[in-house]
Amino acid sequence: MTKRNLVLSLAIIFVMIIPSSAFANLLSNPGFDTGDLTGWSLWNSEDSGFEITAFQYQSYPYSLKEWAWSGGTPVEGSVGVWQDFAATENFTYYISAYLKSLTDSEPLRDGATGYLKLEWRDSSDGLIGDPLQMDLYGPNDMWELFELDGTAPTGVANGRVILGLWSPALLGDGRAVYFDDVWADTEPIPEPASLLMLGFGLFGLGIFTKKYRMGRG
């Protein structure tokens, strides 16, 4: 292998193995890698189920599974988990998460939706303005990236990332959604393709510099 090919190979490998944790994420336990809900709070747990599972994951080894309660008297409404991050007025924040629902195992159906939501909260935990929300309306059988961005308003203390499930009051099998690799920061998480282009750019710069030096020599 020539030196040029070796450098190119190393650049590609370096870029492809950079973990998301190498970038600044304002959330703790964003991929549920602790095997539990450390860092997250939940609500309406009596009307739903929550499980950290290795059955499905976007990145090894776990994801969060939420499902609408299918025992007893069904209740219409939302359930889920949330986590706050410190926010600064007039800063733009980006949040994202991967969502998945399976056609052959407790699919989102009958109007049930999984969702990613961003709220702004003041120092008294009061809601400021209207939340931003993106919904998964049915089974997609694949990990799908959901992204939101918003500018923190006047009086903000915290941003709140919510991973939720809304379900109508219907009997029958549960309706479930999986979440993984949640992100919050003042910059969006770089896509793998962007990182790869960065690697090629650095490699190209190195070749150009080498040729420039040889020309001057």
C-alpha atoms as a PDB file:
ATOM      1  CA  MET A   1       0.000   0.000   0.000  1.00  0.00           C
ATOM      2  CA  THR A   2       1.367   3.395  -0.954  1.00  0.00           C
ATOM      3  CA  LYS A   3       1.731   6.125   1.634  1.00  0.00           C
ATOM      4  CA  ARG A   4      -1.041   8.111  -0.088  1.00  0.00           C
ATOM      5  CA  ASN A   5      -3.499   5.202   0.088  1.00  0.00           C
ATOM      6  CA  LEU A   6      -2.554   4.521   3.687  1.00  0.00           C
ATOM      7  CA  VAL A   7      -3.268   8.112   4.706  1.00  0.00           C
ATOM      8  CA  LEU A   8      -6.598   8.053   2.849  1.00  0.00           C
ATOM      9  CA  SER A   9      -7.615   4.792   4.519  1.00  0.00           C
ATOM     10  CA  LEU A  10      -6.734   6.096   7.959  1.00  0.00           C
ATOM     11  CA  ALA A  11      -8.693   9.313   7.332  1.00  0.00           C
ATOM     12  CA  ILE A  12     -11.803   7.371   6.327  1.00  0.00           C
ATOM     13  CA  ILE A  13     -11.534   5.009   9.291  1.00  0.00           C
ATOM     14  CA  PHE A  14     -11.055   7.906  11.714  1.00  0.00           C
ATOM     15  CA  VAL A  15     -14.101   9.756  10.421  1.00  0.00           C
ATOM     16  CA  MET A  16     -16.361   6.707  10.387  1.00  0.00           C
ATOM     17  CA  ILE A  17     -15.571   5.650  13.953  1.00  0.00           C
ATOM     18  CA  ILE A  18     -16.097   9.052  15.567  1.00  0.00           C
ATOM     19  CA  PRO A  19     -18.899   8.443  18.110  1.00  0.00           C
ATOM     20  CA  SER A  20     -21.693  10.939  18.667  1.00  0.00           C
ATOM     21  CA  SER A  21     -20.357  11.330  22.209  1.00  0.00           C
ATOM     22  CA  ALA A  22     -17.339  13.113  20.710  1.00  0.00           C
ATOM     23  CA  PHE A  23     -19.640  16.066  20.086  1.00  0.00           C
ATOM     24  CA  ALA A  24     -21.267  18.178  22.798  1.00  0.00           C
ATOM     25  CA  ASN A  25     -24.649  16.758  23.785  1.00  0.00           C
ATOM     26  CA  LEU A  26     -26.520  18.702  26.467  1.00  0.00           C
ATOM     27  CA  LEU A  27     -28.402  15.578  27.568  1.00  0.00           C
ATOM     28  CA  SER A  28     -27.235  12.818  29.890  1.00  0.00           C
ATOM     29  CA  ASN A  29     -27.768   9.167  29.008  1.00  0.00           C
ATOM     30  CA  PRO A  30     -29.067  10.123  25.534  1.00  0.00           C
ATOM     31  CA  GLY A  31     -28.785   6.590  24.177  1.00  0.00           C
ATOM     32  CA  PHE A  32     -29.970   4.837  27.368  1.00  0.00           C
ATOM     33  CA  ASP A  33     -26.592   3.111  27.510  1.00  0.00           C
ATOM     34  CA  THR A  34     -26.761   2.893  31.305  1.00  0.00           C
ATOM     35  CA  GLY A  35     -29.479   0.263  30.846  1.00  0.00           C
ATOM     36  CA  ASP A  36     -32.010   2.372  32.754  1.00  0.00           C
ATOM     37  CA  LEU A  37     -33.705   5.789  32.716  1.00  0.00           C
ATOM     38  CA  THR A  38     -30.927   7.626  34.570  1.00  0.00           C
ATOM     39  CA  GLY A  39     -31.197  11.330  33.703  1.00  0.00           C
ATOM     40  CA  TRP A  40     -34.792  11.048  32.492  1.00  0.00           C
ATOM     41  CA  SER A  41     -38.114  11.707  34.236  1.00  0.00           C
ATOM     42  CA  LEU A  42     -41.417  10.102  33.269  1.00  0.00           C
ATOM     43  CA  TRP A  43     -45.097  10.930  33.566  1.00  0.00           C
ATOM     44  CA  ASN A  44     -48.364   8.969  33.465  1.00  0.00           C
ATOM     45  CA  SER A  45     -46.431   5.776  34.095  1.00  0.00           C
ATOM     46  CA  GLU A  46     -49.613   4.179  35.439  1.00  0.00           C
ATOM     47  CA  ASP A  47     -51.110   4.420  31.942  1.00  0.00           C
ATOM     48  CA  SER A  48     -48.138   3.053  30.035  1.00  0.00           C
ATOM     49  CA  GLY A  49     -45.102   0.847  30.035  1.00  0.00           C
ATOM     50  CA  PHE A  50     -41.442   1.834  29.814  1.00  0.00           C
ATOM     51  CA  GLU A  51     -38.583  -0.538  29.073  1.00  0.00           C
ATOM     52  CA  ILE A  52     -34.899  -0.185  28.244  1.00  0.00           C
ATOM     53  CA  THR A  53     -34.493  -2.948  25.698  1.00  0.00           C
ATOM     54  CA  ALA A  54     -31.797  -4.609  23.608  1.00  0.00           C
ATOM     55  CA  PHE A  55     -34.460  -5.995  21.247  1.00  0.00           C
ATOM     56  CA  GLN A  56     -34.217  -2.883  19.064  1.00  0.00           C
ATOM     57  CA  TYR A  57     -31.516  -0.212  18.971  1.00  0.00           C
ATOM     58  CA  GLN A  58     -30.159   2.437  16.621  1.00  0.00           C
ATOM     59  CA  SER A  59     -26.768   2.261  18.320  1.00  0.00           C
ATOM     60  CA  TYR A  60     -25.638  -0.609  20.551  1.00  0.00           C
ATOM     61  CA  PRO A  61     -26.734  -1.742  23.066  1.00  0.00           C
ATOM     62  CA  TYR A  62     -30.125  -0.286  24.122  1.00  0.00           C
ATOM     63  CA  SER A  63     -33.128   1.821  23.203  1.00  0.00           C
ATOM     64  CA  LEU A  64     -36.204   3.050  25.071  1.00  0.00           C
ATOM     65  CA  LYS A  65     -39.533   1.328  24.398  1.00  0.00           C
ATOM     66  CA  GLU A  66     -42.789   3.066  25.330  1.00  0.00           C
ATOM     67  CA  TRP A  67     -46.163   1.429  24.929  1.00  0.00           C
ATOM     68  CA  ALA A  68     -49.742   2.438  25.652  1.00  0.00           C
ATOM     69  CA  TRP A  69     -51.259   0.577  28.557  1.00  0.00           C
ATOM     70  CA  SER A  70     -53.473  -2.247  27.247  1.00  0.00           C
ATOM     71  CA  GLY A  71     -54.695  -3.654  30.569  1.00  0.00           C
ATOM     72  CA  GLY A  72     -57.657  -2.516  32.669  1.00  0.00           C
ATOM     73  CA  THR A  73     -59.547   0.561  31.490  1.00  0.00           C
ATOM     74  CA  PRO A  74     -57.732   2.243  28.584  1.00  0.00           C
ATOM     75  CA  VAL A  75     -57.012   5.940  28.986  1.00  0.00           C
ATOM     76  CA  GLU A  76     -56.736   8.537  26.227  1.00  0.00           C
ATOM     77  CA  GLY A  77     -53.719  10.771  26.543  1.00  0.00           C
ATOM     78  CA  SER A  78     -49.953  11.132  26.450  1.00  0.00           C
ATOM     79  CA  VAL A  79     -47.240   9.283  28.319  1.00  0.00           C
ATOM     80  CA  GLY A  80     -43.502   9.530  28.047  1.00  0.00           C
ATOM     81  CA  VAL A  81     -40.154  10.668  29.405  1.00  0.00           C
ATOM     82  CA  TRP A  82     -38.472  14.062  29.482  1.00  0.00           C
ATOM     83  CA  GLN A  83     -35.174  15.740  30.305  1.00  0.00           C
ATOM     84  CA  ASP A  84     -34.251  19.414  30.767  1.00  0.00           C
ATOM     85  CA  PHE A  85     -31.134  21.236  29.602  1.00  0.00           C
ATOM     86  CA  ALA A  86     -29.981  24.745  30.540  1.00  0.00           C
ATOM     87  CA  ALA A  87     -30.916  27.234  27.818  1.00  0.00           C
ATOM     88  CA  THR A  88     -29.831  30.799  27.032  1.00  0.00           C
ATOM     89  CA  GLU A  89     -32.106  33.466  25.575  1.00  0.00           C
ATOM     90  CA  ASN A  90     -31.855  33.976  21.797  1.00  0.00           C
ATOM     91  CA  PHE A  91     -29.687  30.901  21.282  1.00  0.00           C
ATOM     92  CA  THR A  92     -30.953  28.429  18.685  1.00  0.00           C
ATOM     93  CA  TYR A  93     -31.086  24.836  19.891  1.00  0.00           C
ATOM     94  CA  TYR A  94     -31.317  21.675  17.851  1.00  0.00           C
ATOM     95  CA  ILE A  95     -32.843  18.466  19.161  1.00  0.00           C
ATOM     96  CA  SER A  96     -33.185  15.116  17.460  1.00  0.00           C
ATOM     97  CA  ALA A  97     -33.989  11.491  18.158  1.00  0.00           C
ATOM     98  CA  TYR A  98     -34.428   8.265  16.257  1.00  0.00           C
ATOM     99  CA  LEU A  99     -37.932   6.748  16.371  1.00  0.00           C
ATOM    100  CA  LYS A 100     -39.162   3.337  15.269  1.00  0.00           C
ATOM    101  CA  SER A 101     -42.421   1.358  15.354  1.00  0.00           C
ATOM    102  CA  LEU A 102     -42.793  -2.235  14.189  1.00  0.00           C
ATOM    103  CA  THR A 103     -45.612  -3.452  11.947  1.00  0.00           C
ATOM    104  CA  ASP A 104     -45.583  -6.975  13.384  1.00  0.00           C
ATOM    105  CA  SER A 105     -45.166  -6.077  17.072  1.00  0.00           C
ATOM    106  CA  GLU A 106     -47.446  -3.574  18.851  1.00  0.00           C
ATOM    107  CA  PRO A 107     -47.528  -1.087  15.947  1.00  0.00           C
ATOM    108  CA  LEU A 108     -48.664   2.504  16.252  1.00  0.00           C
ATOM    109  CA  ARG A 109     -52.269   2.289  15.016  1.00  0.00           C
ATOM    110  CA  ASP A 110     -55.820   3.554  15.528  1.00  0.00           C
ATOM    111  CA  GLY A 111     -54.591   7.130  15.792  1.00  0.00           C
ATOM    112  CA  ALA A 112     -51.733   6.476  18.235  1.00  0.00           C
ATOM    113  CA  THR A 113     -48.593   8.535  17.586  1.00  0.00           C
ATOM    114  CA  GLY A 114     -45.044   8.647  18.875  1.00  0.00           C
ATOM    115  CA  TYR A 115     -43.450  12.069  19.067  1.00  0.00           C
ATOM    116  CA  LEU A 116     -40.414  14.228  19.777  1.00  0.00           C
ATOM    117  CA  LYS A 117     -41.220  17.550  21.456  1.00  0.00           C
ATOM    118  CA  LEU A 118     -39.275  20.647  22.525  1.00  0.00           C
ATOM    119  CA  GLU A 119     -40.647  22.957  25.231  1.00  0.00           C
ATOM    120  CA  TRP A 120     -39.247  26.143  26.793  1.00  0.00           C
ATOM    121  CA  ARG A 121     -39.562  26.531  30.572  1.00  0.00           C
ATOM    122  CA  ASP A 122     -38.959  29.488  32.904  1.00  0.00           C
ATOM    123  CA  SER A 123     -37.258  29.366  36.318  1.00  0.00           C
ATOM    124  CA  SER A 124     -40.584  28.364  37.926  1.00  0.00           C
ATOM    125  CA  ASP A 125     -41.025  25.515  35.417  1.00  0.00           C
ATOM    126  CA  GLY A 126     -43.776  27.420  33.639  1.00  0.00           C
ATOM    127  CA  LEU A 127     -44.274  26.782  29.930  1.00  0.00           C
ATOM    128  CA  ILE A 128     -43.203  29.650  27.637  1.00  0.00           C
ATOM    129  CA  GLY A 129     -44.844  29.874  24.221  1.00  0.00           C
ATOM    130  CA  ASP A 130     -45.917  26.956  22.062  1.00  0.00           C
ATOM    131  CA  PRO A 131     -44.012  23.660  22.023  1.00  0.00           C
ATOM    132  CA  LEU A 132     -42.439  22.304  18.851  1.00  0.00           C
ATOM    133  CA  GLN A 133     -43.400  18.733  17.990  1.00  0.00           C
ATOM    134  CA  MET A 134     -42.765  16.119  15.302  1.00  0.00           C
ATOM    135  CA  ASP A 135     -44.933  12.984  15.127  1.00  0.00           C
ATOM    136  CA  LEU A 136     -44.582   9.403  13.938  1.00  0.00           C
ATOM    137  CA  TYR A 137     -48.075   8.419  12.766  1.00  0.00           C
ATOM    138  CA  GLY A 138     -47.652   4.698  12.141  1.00  0.00           C
ATOM    139  CA  PRO A 139     -45.190   1.813  11.915  1.00  0.00           C
ATOM    140  CA  ASN A 140     -42.108   2.566   9.838  1.00  0.00           C
ATOM    141  CA  ASP A 141     -40.044  -0.597  10.535  1.00  0.00           C
ATOM    142  CA  MET A 142     -36.825   1.429  10.451  1.00  0.00           C
ATOM    143  CA  TRP A 143     -34.964   3.932  12.563  1.00  0.00           C
ATOM    144  CA  GLU A 144     -36.047   7.369  11.365  1.00  0.00           C
ATOM    145  CA  LEU A 145     -34.330  10.590  12.431  1.00  0.00           C
ATOM    146  CA  PHE A 146     -36.668  13.276  13.794  1.00  0.00           C
ATOM    147  CA  GLU A 147     -35.258  16.811  14.131  1.00  0.00           C
ATOM    148  CA  LEU A 148     -36.481  20.083  15.630  1.00  0.00           C
ATOM    149  CA  ASP A 149     -34.864  23.468  16.157  1.00  0.00           C
ATOM    150  CA  GLY A 150     -36.007  26.584  17.967  1.00  0.00           C
ATOM    151  CA  THR A 151     -34.721  29.844  19.397  1.00  0.00           C
ATOM    152  CA  ALA A 152     -34.873  30.148  23.178  1.00  0.00           C
ATOM    153  CA  PRO A 153     -37.303  32.961  24.133  1.00  0.00           C
ATOM    154  CA  THR A 154     -37.003  35.749  26.681  1.00  0.00           C
ATOM    155  CA  GLY A 155     -37.296  34.486  30.251  1.00  0.00           C
ATOM    156  CA  VAL A 156     -36.169  30.962  29.452  1.00  0.00           C
ATOM    157  CA  ALA A 157     -34.303  28.856  31.994  1.00  0.00           C
ATOM    158  CA  ASN A 158     -34.474  25.397  30.451  1.00  0.00           C
ATOM    159  CA  GLY A 159     -35.323  23.582  27.287  1.00  0.00           C
ATOM    160  CA  ARG A 160     -37.256  20.353  27.745  1.00  0.00           C
ATOM    161  CA  VAL A 161     -36.854  17.370  25.429  1.00  0.00           C
ATOM    162  CA  ILE A 162     -39.876  15.061  25.492  1.00  0.00           C
ATOM    163  CA  LEU A 163     -40.133  11.546  24.062  1.00  0.00           C
ATOM    164  CA  GLY A 164     -43.817  10.740  24.094  1.00  0.00           C
ATOM    165  CA  LEU A 165     -46.622   8.460  22.999  1.00  0.00           C
ATOM    166  CA  TRP A 166     -50.212   9.591  22.529  1.00  0.00           C
ATOM    167  CA  SER A 167     -52.924   6.960  22.327  1.00  0.00           C
ATOM    168  CA  PRO A 168     -56.720   6.984  22.116  1.00  0.00           C
ATOM    169  CA  ALA A 169     -58.755   5.046  24.690  1.00  0.00           C
ATOM    170  CA  LEU A 170     -58.936   1.739  22.838  1.00  0.00           C
ATOM    171  CA  LEU A 171     -58.917  -1.831  24.081  1.00  0.00           C
ATOM    172  CA  GLY A 172     -56.711  -4.480  22.503  1.00  0.00           C
ATOM    173  CA  ASP A 173     -53.016  -4.990  22.010  1.00  0.00           C
ATOM    174  CA  GLY A 174     -50.605  -2.284  23.059  1.00  0.00           C
ATOM    175  CA  ARG A 175     -49.219   0.358  20.727  1.00  0.00           C
ATOM    176  CA  ALA A 176     -45.471   0.884  21.020  1.00  0.00           C
ATOM    177  CA  VAL A 177     -42.678   3.162  19.842  1.00  0.00           C
ATOM    178  CA  TYR A 178     -38.892   2.948  20.311  1.00  0.00           C
ATOM    179  CA  PHE A 179     -36.512   5.888  20.874  1.00  0.00           C
ATOM    180  CA  ASP A 180     -32.713   6.066  20.674  1.00  0.00           C
ATOM    181  CA  ASP A 181     -29.759   8.452  20.312  1.00  0.00           C
ATOM    182  CA  VAL A 182     -31.423  11.639  21.532  1.00  0.00           C
ATOM    183  CA  TRP A 183     -29.541  14.879  20.909  1.00  0.00           C
ATOM    184  CA  ALA A 184     -29.690  18.485  22.118  1.00  0.00           C
ATOM    185  CA  ASP A 185     -27.154  21.231  21.387  1.00  0.00           C
ATOM    186  CA  THR A 186     -26.673  24.643  19.803  1.00  0.00           C
ATOM    187  CA  GLU A 187     -25.460  22.835  16.688  1.00  0.00           C
ATOM    188  CA  PRO A 188     -27.061  19.876  14.880  1.00  0.00           C
ATOM    189  CA  ILE A 189     -25.185  16.596  15.145  1.00  0.00           C
ATOM    190  CA  PRO A 190     -23.035  16.109  12.020  1.00  0.00           C
ATOM    191  CA  GLU A 191     -24.275  13.506   9.563  1.00  0.00           C
ATOM    192  CA  PRO A 192     -21.892  10.612   8.724  1.00  0.00           C
ATOM    193  CA  ALA A 193     -21.665  11.863   5.118  1.00  0.00           C
ATOM    194  CA  SER A 194     -20.534  15.283   6.331  1.00  0.00           C
ATOM    195  CA  LEU A 195     -17.869  13.701   8.492  1.00  0.00           C
ATOM    196  CA  LEU A 196     -16.679  11.631   5.549  1.00  0.00           C
ATOM    197  CA  MET A 197     -16.408  14.748   3.377  1.00  0.00           C
ATOM    198  CA  LEU A 198     -14.425  16.374   6.168  1.00  0.00           C
ATOM    199  CA  GLY A 199     -12.016  13.452   6.088  1.00  0.00           C
ATOM    200  CA  PHE A 200     -11.578  13.731   2.329  1.00  0.00           C
ATOM    201  CA  GLY A 201     -11.086  17.488   2.680  1.00  0.00           C
ATOM    202  CA  LEU A 202      -8.340  17.055   5.244  1.00  0.00           C
ATOM    203  CA  PHE A 203      -6.688  14.425   3.077  1.00  0.00           C
ATOM    204  CA  GLY A 204      -6.873  16.686   0.012  1.00  0.00           C
ATOM    205  CA  LEU A 205      -5.388  19.567   1.959  1.00  0.00           C
ATOM    206  CA  GLY A 206      -2.512  17.343   2.989  1.00  0.00           C
ATOM    207  CA  ILE A 207      -1.820  16.325  -0.636  1.00  0.00           C
ATOM    208  CA  PHE A 208      -1.981  19.952  -1.800  1.00  0.00           C
ATOM    209  CA  THR A 209       0.430  21.050   0.926  1.00  0.00           C
ATOM    210  CA  LYS A 210       2.862  18.270   0.032  1.00  0.00           C
ATOM    211  CA  LYS A 211       2.822  19.209  -3.676  1.00  0.00           C
ATOM    212  CA  TYR A 212       3.229  22.887  -2.832  1.00  0.00           C
ATOM    213  CA  ARG A 213       6.288  22.121  -0.731  1.00  0.00           C
ATOM    214  CA  MET A 214       7.757  19.900  -3.456  1.00  0.00           C
ATOM    215  CA  GLY A 215       7.194  22.659  -6.032  1.00  0.00           C
ATOM    216  CA  ARG A 216       8.981  25.186  -3.880  1.00  0.00           C
ATOM    217  CA  GLY A 217      11.800  22.761  -3.351  1.00  0.00           C
END
